[in-house]
């Protein structure tokens, strides 16, 4: 996969700073560390991943702009989505969007756009392009500053004030999204781990991977690939996380399922395995 992508995609488009990291020992020139806030300062969050695919594609804003330029050039018909004549778009798990050739699409009249977001190990990325040519790209290495939320805020600013300078739209979006989160992410030490009561591992048929719930004293914690979110109660059975809401039916003594509501993916039901 890395060789195919380099020779057939990245190389021809001049995306020379984009590649898959297949060896955890490999040094990525100029790469930023992923980090998150803790009660005691900051902590790196990246862990080695060697499977080409999720979390191992390294790129730059400049290379993503080259990709979106290529994508927009192939947006031949204003009333069609990119490559729609070759690959069909179908309903997605993120209503009201469609999903097609690796792209989420907004096909509503006057809103034609395609986009994709990604989150992994403290990094997040967003790439969005609209039919008239507006492009927004965001990369974040701060676990508390989500690229998709920044992108959504930038787009709201630009749509509400079309004459707004792009730099000002970015400054406003970043300032809004950097407000203190209700959830503080902590990477527990080995001693801390022994104080957590395991509530189970949960999966969702609409999303890859699995999540774990633990309880420490009277506090719930959600785990994803080693990263721990301390959840804040906001109502009866409702907990706020870092960019999401988690709802547990009944008490937390025995949790068989819960609902995860993300901004772009509400109503994800996770079942205990």
C-alpha atoms as a PDB file:
ATOM      1  CA  UNK A   1       0.000   0.000   0.000  1.00  0.00           C
ATOM      2  CA  UNK A   2       2.701   2.599   0.815  1.00  0.00           C
ATOM      3  CA  UNK A   3       4.535   1.878  -2.471  1.00  0.00           C
ATOM      4  CA  UNK A   4       1.308   1.944  -4.495  1.00  0.00           C
ATOM      5  CA  UNK A   5       0.233   5.245  -2.940  1.00  0.00           C
ATOM      6  CA  UNK A   6       3.655   6.819  -3.495  1.00  0.00           C
ATOM      7  CA  UNK A   7       3.875   5.841  -7.167  1.00  0.00           C
ATOM      8  CA  UNK A   8       0.235   6.197  -8.214  1.00  0.00           C
ATOM      9  CA  UNK A   9      -1.122   9.018  -6.044  1.00  0.00           C
ATOM     10  CA  UNK A  10       1.332  11.079  -4.013  1.00  0.00           C
ATOM     11  CA  UNK A  11       4.193  11.217  -6.516  1.00  0.00           C
ATOM     12  CA  UNK A  12       2.182  12.287  -9.596  1.00  0.00           C
ATOM     13  CA  UNK A  13       0.438  15.014  -7.583  1.00  0.00           C
ATOM     14  CA  UNK A  14       3.699  16.360  -6.135  1.00  0.00           C
ATOM     15  CA  UNK A  15       2.710  15.353  -2.594  1.00  0.00           C
ATOM     16  CA  UNK A  16       6.292  14.513  -1.644  1.00  0.00           C
ATOM     17  CA  UNK A  17       5.788  15.157   2.086  1.00  0.00           C
ATOM     18  CA  UNK A  18       2.973  12.590   2.279  1.00  0.00           C
ATOM     19  CA  UNK A  19       3.590   8.935   3.033  1.00  0.00           C
ATOM     20  CA  UNK A  20       2.610   6.019   5.240  1.00  0.00           C
ATOM     21  CA  UNK A  21       4.744   5.267   8.262  1.00  0.00           C
ATOM     22  CA  UNK A  22       5.114   1.482   8.337  1.00  0.00           C
ATOM     23  CA  UNK A  23       7.894   1.230  10.913  1.00  0.00           C
ATOM     24  CA  UNK A  24       7.478   2.839  14.367  1.00  0.00           C
ATOM     25  CA  UNK A  25      11.233   3.544  14.398  1.00  0.00           C
ATOM     26  CA  UNK A  26      11.006   5.629  11.238  1.00  0.00           C
ATOM     27  CA  UNK A  27      11.792   9.323  11.739  1.00  0.00           C
ATOM     28  CA  UNK A  28       9.367  11.743  10.074  1.00  0.00           C
ATOM     29  CA  UNK A  29      11.239  14.994   9.266  1.00  0.00           C
ATOM     30  CA  UNK A  30       9.444  18.008  10.704  1.00  0.00           C
ATOM     31  CA  UNK A  31       6.715  15.930  12.353  1.00  0.00           C
ATOM     32  CA  UNK A  32       4.850  17.440  15.307  1.00  0.00           C
ATOM     33  CA  UNK A  33       4.232  15.475  18.482  1.00  0.00           C
ATOM     34  CA  UNK A  34       0.660  14.863  19.551  1.00  0.00           C
ATOM     35  CA  UNK A  35      -0.033  16.143  23.046  1.00  0.00           C
ATOM     36  CA  UNK A  36      -2.857  16.672  25.503  1.00  0.00           C
ATOM     37  CA  UNK A  37      -3.523  18.673  28.622  1.00  0.00           C
ATOM     38  CA  UNK A  38      -3.384  16.909  31.996  1.00  0.00           C
ATOM     39  CA  UNK A  39      -3.770  18.157  35.540  1.00  0.00           C
ATOM     40  CA  UNK A  40       0.026  18.448  35.736  1.00  0.00           C
ATOM     41  CA  UNK A  41       0.839  20.094  32.386  1.00  0.00           C
ATOM     42  CA  UNK A  42       1.180  18.372  29.010  1.00  0.00           C
ATOM     43  CA  UNK A  43       1.730  14.808  27.899  1.00  0.00           C
ATOM     44  CA  UNK A  44       2.649  13.222  24.552  1.00  0.00           C
ATOM     45  CA  UNK A  45      -0.125  10.944  23.284  1.00  0.00           C
ATOM     46  CA  UNK A  46       1.290   9.266  20.181  1.00  0.00           C
ATOM     47  CA  UNK A  47       1.829   5.500  20.381  1.00  0.00           C
ATOM     48  CA  UNK A  48       3.461   3.317  17.696  1.00  0.00           C
ATOM     49  CA  UNK A  49       1.156   2.136  14.920  1.00  0.00           C
ATOM     50  CA  UNK A  50       2.534   0.067  12.063  1.00  0.00           C
ATOM     51  CA  UNK A  51      -0.594  -0.946  10.129  1.00  0.00           C
ATOM     52  CA  UNK A  52      -0.799   1.213   6.966  1.00  0.00           C
ATOM     53  CA  UNK A  53      -4.128   2.963   7.052  1.00  0.00           C
ATOM     54  CA  UNK A  54      -5.671   4.660  10.071  1.00  0.00           C
ATOM     55  CA  UNK A  55      -3.214   6.853  11.905  1.00  0.00           C
ATOM     56  CA  UNK A  56      -0.130   6.131   9.789  1.00  0.00           C
ATOM     57  CA  UNK A  57      -0.596   8.603   6.935  1.00  0.00           C
ATOM     58  CA  UNK A  58       1.620  11.634   7.502  1.00  0.00           C
ATOM     59  CA  UNK A  59       1.079  14.763   5.461  1.00  0.00           C
ATOM     60  CA  UNK A  60       1.212  18.571   5.446  1.00  0.00           C
ATOM     61  CA  UNK A  61      -1.270  21.359   4.822  1.00  0.00           C
ATOM     62  CA  UNK A  62       0.478  22.097   1.516  1.00  0.00           C
ATOM     63  CA  UNK A  63       0.117  18.511   0.305  1.00  0.00           C
ATOM     64  CA  UNK A  64      -3.520  18.361   1.355  1.00  0.00           C
ATOM     65  CA  UNK A  65      -4.101  21.533  -0.638  1.00  0.00           C
ATOM     66  CA  UNK A  66      -2.579  19.824  -3.681  1.00  0.00           C
ATOM     67  CA  UNK A  67      -4.967  16.913  -3.172  1.00  0.00           C
ATOM     68  CA  UNK A  68      -8.028  19.167  -2.857  1.00  0.00           C
ATOM     69  CA  UNK A  69      -6.939  21.095  -5.956  1.00  0.00           C
ATOM     70  CA  UNK A  70      -6.821  17.802  -7.850  1.00  0.00           C
ATOM     71  CA  UNK A  71     -10.190  16.794  -6.414  1.00  0.00           C
ATOM     72  CA  UNK A  72     -11.812  20.071  -7.413  1.00  0.00           C
ATOM     73  CA  UNK A  73     -10.384  19.871 -10.922  1.00  0.00           C
ATOM     74  CA  UNK A  74     -12.230  16.565 -11.346  1.00  0.00           C
ATOM     75  CA  UNK A  75     -15.470  18.096 -10.125  1.00  0.00           C
ATOM     76  CA  UNK A  76     -16.648  18.385 -13.718  1.00  0.00           C
ATOM     77  CA  UNK A  77     -20.363  18.901 -13.246  1.00  0.00           C
ATOM     78  CA  UNK A  78     -21.763  21.460 -10.787  1.00  0.00           C
ATOM     79  CA  UNK A  79     -24.822  19.303 -10.124  1.00  0.00           C
ATOM     80  CA  UNK A  80     -22.804  16.137  -9.496  1.00  0.00           C
ATOM     81  CA  UNK A  81     -20.368  15.128  -6.810  1.00  0.00           C
ATOM     82  CA  UNK A  82     -16.710  14.281  -7.578  1.00  0.00           C
ATOM     83  CA  UNK A  83     -16.366  10.979  -9.465  1.00  0.00           C
ATOM     84  CA  UNK A  84     -20.110  10.366  -9.082  1.00  0.00           C
ATOM     85  CA  UNK A  85     -20.271   9.081 -12.638  1.00  0.00           C
ATOM     86  CA  UNK A  86     -17.869   6.258 -11.711  1.00  0.00           C
ATOM     87  CA  UNK A  87     -18.535   5.601  -8.018  1.00  0.00           C
ATOM     88  CA  UNK A  88     -21.976   5.949  -6.522  1.00  0.00           C
ATOM     89  CA  UNK A  89     -22.667   7.820  -3.309  1.00  0.00           C
ATOM     90  CA  UNK A  90     -25.021   6.219  -0.803  1.00  0.00           C
ATOM     91  CA  UNK A  91     -26.593   7.173   2.522  1.00  0.00           C
ATOM     92  CA  UNK A  92     -24.032   7.378   5.311  1.00  0.00           C
ATOM     93  CA  UNK A  93     -24.123   6.876   9.056  1.00  0.00           C
ATOM     94  CA  UNK A  94     -23.737  10.659   9.456  1.00  0.00           C
ATOM     95  CA  UNK A  95     -27.058  12.111   8.344  1.00  0.00           C
ATOM     96  CA  UNK A  96     -27.782  14.103   6.235  1.00  0.00           C
ATOM     97  CA  UNK A  97     -24.519  13.316   4.441  1.00  0.00           C
ATOM     98  CA  UNK A  98     -23.782  10.767   1.739  1.00  0.00           C
ATOM     99  CA  UNK A  99     -20.660   8.615   1.465  1.00  0.00           C
ATOM    100  CA  UNK A 100     -18.938   7.722  -1.793  1.00  0.00           C
ATOM    101  CA  UNK A 101     -15.360   7.250  -3.011  1.00  0.00           C
ATOM    102  CA  UNK A 102     -13.722   7.800   0.365  1.00  0.00           C
ATOM    103  CA  UNK A 103     -15.584  11.077   0.795  1.00  0.00           C
ATOM    104  CA  UNK A 104     -18.499  12.308   2.826  1.00  0.00           C
ATOM    105  CA  UNK A 105     -20.712  14.576   0.746  1.00  0.00           C
ATOM    106  CA  UNK A 106     -23.299  17.240   1.422  1.00  0.00           C
ATOM    107  CA  UNK A 107     -25.592  17.135  -1.609  1.00  0.00           C
ATOM    108  CA  UNK A 108     -28.258  19.489  -0.300  1.00  0.00           C
ATOM    109  CA  UNK A 109     -29.131  22.348  -2.713  1.00  0.00           C
ATOM    110  CA  UNK A 110     -26.741  25.243  -2.287  1.00  0.00           C
ATOM    111  CA  UNK A 111     -24.464  23.245   0.031  1.00  0.00           C
ATOM    112  CA  UNK A 112     -22.558  20.989  -2.377  1.00  0.00           C
ATOM    113  CA  UNK A 113     -19.347  19.983  -0.629  1.00  0.00           C
ATOM    114  CA  UNK A 114     -17.201  16.931   0.062  1.00  0.00           C
ATOM    115  CA  UNK A 115     -15.050  16.388   3.122  1.00  0.00           C
ATOM    116  CA  UNK A 116     -13.290  13.899   5.329  1.00  0.00           C
ATOM    117  CA  UNK A 117     -12.217  14.035   8.955  1.00  0.00           C
ATOM    118  CA  UNK A 118      -9.861  11.864  10.959  1.00  0.00           C
ATOM    119  CA  UNK A 119      -8.862  11.487  14.625  1.00  0.00           C
ATOM    120  CA  UNK A 120      -6.073   9.281  15.933  1.00  0.00           C
ATOM    121  CA  UNK A 121      -3.812   9.290  19.011  1.00  0.00           C
ATOM    122  CA  UNK A 122      -4.040  12.987  19.757  1.00  0.00           C
ATOM    123  CA  UNK A 123      -3.861  14.046  16.100  1.00  0.00           C
ATOM    124  CA  UNK A 124      -6.844  15.214  14.076  1.00  0.00           C
ATOM    125  CA  UNK A 125      -7.271  16.334  10.470  1.00  0.00           C
ATOM    126  CA  UNK A 126      -9.988  17.814   8.300  1.00  0.00           C
ATOM    127  CA  UNK A 127     -10.173  18.521   4.575  1.00  0.00           C
ATOM    128  CA  UNK A 128     -13.244  20.233   3.082  1.00  0.00           C
ATOM    129  CA  UNK A 129     -13.900  21.529  -0.431  1.00  0.00           C
ATOM    130  CA  UNK A 130     -17.059  23.130  -1.808  1.00  0.00           C
ATOM    131  CA  UNK A 131     -18.324  23.202  -5.375  1.00  0.00           C
ATOM    132  CA  UNK A 132     -17.429  26.910  -5.907  1.00  0.00           C
ATOM    133  CA  UNK A 133     -13.843  26.106  -4.829  1.00  0.00           C
ATOM    134  CA  UNK A 134     -13.683  27.131  -1.172  1.00  0.00           C
ATOM    135  CA  UNK A 135     -11.207  24.845   0.610  1.00  0.00           C
ATOM    136  CA  UNK A 136     -10.558  24.491   4.320  1.00  0.00           C
ATOM    137  CA  UNK A 137      -7.756  22.311   5.702  1.00  0.00           C
ATOM    138  CA  UNK A 138      -6.990  21.859   9.382  1.00  0.00           C
ATOM    139  CA  UNK A 139      -4.364  19.740  11.125  1.00  0.00           C
ATOM    140  CA  UNK A 140      -4.144  19.600  14.906  1.00  0.00           C
ATOM    141  CA  UNK A 141      -1.667  17.866  17.199  1.00  0.00           C
ATOM    142  CA  UNK A 142      -3.529  18.996  20.344  1.00  0.00           C
ATOM    143  CA  UNK A 143      -5.929  16.335  21.617  1.00  0.00           C
ATOM    144  CA  UNK A 144      -8.116  19.109  23.027  1.00  0.00           C
ATOM    145  CA  UNK A 145      -8.376  21.072  19.765  1.00  0.00           C
ATOM    146  CA  UNK A 146     -10.298  19.065  17.186  1.00  0.00           C
ATOM    147  CA  UNK A 147      -9.611  19.832  13.509  1.00  0.00           C
ATOM    148  CA  UNK A 148     -13.182  19.051  12.417  1.00  0.00           C
ATOM    149  CA  UNK A 149     -14.668  21.453  14.969  1.00  0.00           C
ATOM    150  CA  UNK A 150     -12.239  24.196  13.946  1.00  0.00           C
ATOM    151  CA  UNK A 151     -13.125  23.578  10.296  1.00  0.00           C
ATOM    152  CA  UNK A 152     -16.862  23.757  11.023  1.00  0.00           C
ATOM    153  CA  UNK A 153     -16.352  27.031  12.899  1.00  0.00           C
ATOM    154  CA  UNK A 154     -14.295  28.507  10.043  1.00  0.00           C
ATOM    155  CA  UNK A 155     -16.980  27.564   7.533  1.00  0.00           C
ATOM    156  CA  UNK A 156     -19.724  29.109   9.682  1.00  0.00           C
ATOM    157  CA  UNK A 157     -17.733  32.330   9.931  1.00  0.00           C
ATOM    158  CA  UNK A 158     -17.064  32.501   6.185  1.00  0.00           C
ATOM    159  CA  UNK A 159     -20.654  31.665   5.218  1.00  0.00           C
ATOM    160  CA  UNK A 160     -22.097  34.210   7.636  1.00  0.00           C
ATOM    161  CA  UNK A 161     -19.586  36.897   6.591  1.00  0.00           C
ATOM    162  CA  UNK A 162     -18.387  36.192   3.025  1.00  0.00           C
ATOM    163  CA  UNK A 163     -16.086  39.240   3.076  1.00  0.00           C
ATOM    164  CA  UNK A 164     -14.331  38.117   6.272  1.00  0.00           C
ATOM    165  CA  UNK A 165     -10.577  37.736   5.855  1.00  0.00           C
ATOM    166  CA  UNK A 166      -9.535  34.097   5.977  1.00  0.00           C
ATOM    167  CA  UNK A 167      -6.961  34.773   8.706  1.00  0.00           C
ATOM    168  CA  UNK A 168      -9.603  36.412  10.887  1.00  0.00           C
ATOM    169  CA  UNK A 169     -11.957  33.450  10.332  1.00  0.00           C
ATOM    170  CA  UNK A 170      -9.202  31.114  11.521  1.00  0.00           C
ATOM    171  CA  UNK A 171      -8.388  33.230  14.586  1.00  0.00           C
ATOM    172  CA  UNK A 172     -12.049  33.375  15.618  1.00  0.00           C
ATOM    173  CA  UNK A 173     -12.544  29.637  15.123  1.00  0.00           C
ATOM    174  CA  UNK A 174      -9.442  28.658  17.067  1.00  0.00           C
ATOM    175  CA  UNK A 175     -10.304  31.019  19.926  1.00  0.00           C
ATOM    176  CA  UNK A 176     -13.794  29.556  20.154  1.00  0.00           C
ATOM    177  CA  UNK A 177     -12.659  25.939  20.093  1.00  0.00           C
ATOM    178  CA  UNK A 178      -9.856  26.489  22.617  1.00  0.00           C
ATOM    179  CA  UNK A 179     -12.298  27.263  25.397  1.00  0.00           C
ATOM    180  CA  UNK A 180     -11.743  24.968  28.399  1.00  0.00           C
ATOM    181  CA  UNK A 181     -13.190  21.511  27.856  1.00  0.00           C
ATOM    182  CA  UNK A 182     -15.527  19.886  30.362  1.00  0.00           C
ATOM    183  CA  UNK A 183     -13.410  16.747  30.095  1.00  0.00           C
ATOM    184  CA  UNK A 184      -9.763  16.646  31.123  1.00  0.00           C
ATOM    185  CA  UNK A 185      -7.787  13.922  29.409  1.00  0.00           C
ATOM    186  CA  UNK A 186      -5.352  12.024  31.587  1.00  0.00           C
ATOM    187  CA  UNK A 187      -2.998   9.226  30.704  1.00  0.00           C
ATOM    188  CA  UNK A 188      -3.036   7.226  33.961  1.00  0.00           C
ATOM    189  CA  UNK A 189       0.131   5.852  35.447  1.00  0.00           C
ATOM    190  CA  UNK A 190       0.370   2.111  36.167  1.00  0.00           C
ATOM    191  CA  UNK A 191      -0.564   2.837  39.794  1.00  0.00           C
ATOM    192  CA  UNK A 192      -3.681   4.710  38.676  1.00  0.00           C
ATOM    193  CA  UNK A 193      -4.790   1.845  36.437  1.00  0.00           C
ATOM    194  CA  UNK A 194      -5.173  -0.441  39.423  1.00  0.00           C
ATOM    195  CA  UNK A 195      -7.748   1.944  40.898  1.00  0.00           C
ATOM    196  CA  UNK A 196     -10.117   1.662  37.933  1.00  0.00           C
ATOM    197  CA  UNK A 197     -13.061  -0.756  37.963  1.00  0.00           C
ATOM    198  CA  UNK A 198     -13.609  -2.302  34.536  1.00  0.00           C
ATOM    199  CA  UNK A 199     -17.167  -1.840  33.238  1.00  0.00           C
ATOM    200  CA  UNK A 200     -16.621  -3.573  29.914  1.00  0.00           C
ATOM    201  CA  UNK A 201     -15.497  -3.301  26.291  1.00  0.00           C
ATOM    202  CA  UNK A 202     -18.074  -1.981  23.829  1.00  0.00           C
ATOM    203  CA  UNK A 203     -18.429  -1.997  20.035  1.00  0.00           C
ATOM    204  CA  UNK A 204     -20.710  -0.272  17.553  1.00  0.00           C
ATOM    205  CA  UNK A 205     -21.732  -1.757  14.207  1.00  0.00           C
ATOM    206  CA  UNK A 206     -21.568   1.732  12.653  1.00  0.00           C
ATOM    207  CA  UNK A 207     -18.020   2.603  13.728  1.00  0.00           C
ATOM    208  CA  UNK A 208     -14.680   0.763  13.711  1.00  0.00           C
ATOM    209  CA  UNK A 209     -12.742  -0.237  16.797  1.00  0.00           C
ATOM    210  CA  UNK A 210     -13.897  -0.657  20.362  1.00  0.00           C
ATOM    211  CA  UNK A 211     -14.240   1.503  23.468  1.00  0.00           C
ATOM    212  CA  UNK A 212     -13.794   0.679  27.144  1.00  0.00           C
ATOM    213  CA  UNK A 213     -15.567   2.102  30.156  1.00  0.00           C
ATOM    214  CA  UNK A 214     -14.046   2.148  33.621  1.00  0.00           C
ATOM    215  CA  UNK A 215     -15.100   3.683  36.908  1.00  0.00           C
ATOM    216  CA  UNK A 216     -12.771   5.244  39.418  1.00  0.00           C
ATOM    217  CA  UNK A 217     -14.499   6.295  42.638  1.00  0.00           C
ATOM    218  CA  UNK A 218     -17.686   7.971  41.332  1.00  0.00           C
ATOM    219  CA  UNK A 219     -16.191   9.061  37.984  1.00  0.00           C
ATOM    220  CA  UNK A 220     -16.613   7.366  34.598  1.00  0.00           C
ATOM    221  CA  UNK A 221     -13.697   7.114  32.149  1.00  0.00           C
ATOM    222  CA  UNK A 222     -13.895   6.307  28.431  1.00  0.00           C
ATOM    223  CA  UNK A 223     -10.885   4.642  26.805  1.00  0.00           C
ATOM    224  CA  UNK A 224      -9.946   4.561  23.135  1.00  0.00           C
ATOM    225  CA  UNK A 225      -6.641   2.979  22.094  1.00  0.00           C
ATOM    226  CA  UNK A 226      -4.982   3.784  25.392  1.00  0.00           C
ATOM    227  CA  UNK A 227      -6.252   7.363  25.687  1.00  0.00           C
ATOM    228  CA  UNK A 228      -8.475   8.030  28.678  1.00  0.00           C
ATOM    229  CA  UNK A 229     -11.211  10.689  28.918  1.00  0.00           C
ATOM    230  CA  UNK A 230     -12.564  11.569  32.342  1.00  0.00           C
ATOM    231  CA  UNK A 231     -16.296  12.142  31.815  1.00  0.00           C
ATOM    232  CA  UNK A 232     -18.241  14.923  33.499  1.00  0.00           C
ATOM    233  CA  UNK A 233     -21.874  14.289  34.555  1.00  0.00           C
ATOM    234  CA  UNK A 234     -24.275  16.833  33.032  1.00  0.00           C
ATOM    235  CA  UNK A 235     -27.636  15.180  33.711  1.00  0.00           C
ATOM    236  CA  UNK A 236     -29.327  11.920  34.616  1.00  0.00           C
ATOM    237  CA  UNK A 237     -27.171   9.281  32.906  1.00  0.00           C
ATOM    238  CA  UNK A 238     -25.587  11.917  30.608  1.00  0.00           C
ATOM    239  CA  UNK A 239     -21.850  12.606  30.574  1.00  0.00           C
ATOM    240  CA  UNK A 240     -19.793  15.168  28.659  1.00  0.00           C
ATOM    241  CA  UNK A 241     -16.557  14.111  26.999  1.00  0.00           C
ATOM    242  CA  UNK A 242     -14.011  15.797  24.781  1.00  0.00           C
ATOM    243  CA  UNK A 243     -16.262  16.779  21.860  1.00  0.00           C
ATOM    244  CA  UNK A 244     -19.005  14.240  22.508  1.00  0.00           C
ATOM    245  CA  UNK A 245     -21.809  13.247  24.866  1.00  0.00           C
ATOM    246  CA  UNK A 246     -22.217   9.775  26.345  1.00  0.00           C
ATOM    247  CA  UNK A 247     -25.583   8.568  27.649  1.00  0.00           C
ATOM    248  CA  UNK A 248     -25.911   5.520  29.904  1.00  0.00           C
ATOM    249  CA  UNK A 249     -29.410   4.067  30.414  1.00  0.00           C
ATOM    250  CA  UNK A 250     -29.876   3.278  34.095  1.00  0.00           C
ATOM    251  CA  UNK A 251     -27.078   3.321  36.648  1.00  0.00           C
ATOM    252  CA  UNK A 252     -23.372   2.769  36.110  1.00  0.00           C
ATOM    253  CA  UNK A 253     -23.142  -0.318  38.311  1.00  0.00           C
ATOM    254  CA  UNK A 254     -23.830  -2.603  35.343  1.00  0.00           C
ATOM    255  CA  UNK A 255     -23.472  -0.984  31.906  1.00  0.00           C
ATOM    256  CA  UNK A 256     -24.615  -3.122  28.973  1.00  0.00           C
ATOM    257  CA  UNK A 257     -24.837  -0.348  26.398  1.00  0.00           C
ATOM    258  CA  UNK A 258     -24.443   3.373  25.946  1.00  0.00           C
ATOM    259  CA  UNK A 259     -25.080   5.989  23.261  1.00  0.00           C
ATOM    260  CA  UNK A 260     -22.280   8.182  21.928  1.00  0.00           C
ATOM    261  CA  UNK A 261     -23.278  11.482  20.297  1.00  0.00           C
ATOM    262  CA  UNK A 262     -20.617  13.183  18.180  1.00  0.00           C
ATOM    263  CA  UNK A 263     -21.248  16.445  16.350  1.00  0.00           C
ATOM    264  CA  UNK A 264     -21.080  14.696  12.991  1.00  0.00           C
ATOM    265  CA  UNK A 265     -22.222  11.248  14.105  1.00  0.00           C
ATOM    266  CA  UNK A 266     -25.077  11.377  16.614  1.00  0.00           C
ATOM    267  CA  UNK A 267     -26.768   8.331  18.070  1.00  0.00           C
ATOM    268  CA  UNK A 268     -23.988   5.717  17.895  1.00  0.00           C
ATOM    269  CA  UNK A 269     -25.078   2.752  20.032  1.00  0.00           C
ATOM    270  CA  UNK A 270     -22.275   0.772  21.716  1.00  0.00           C
ATOM    271  CA  UNK A 271     -23.009  -2.719  23.044  1.00  0.00           C
ATOM    272  CA  UNK A 272     -21.004  -4.610  25.668  1.00  0.00           C
ATOM    273  CA  UNK A 273     -19.010  -7.530  24.247  1.00  0.00           C
END
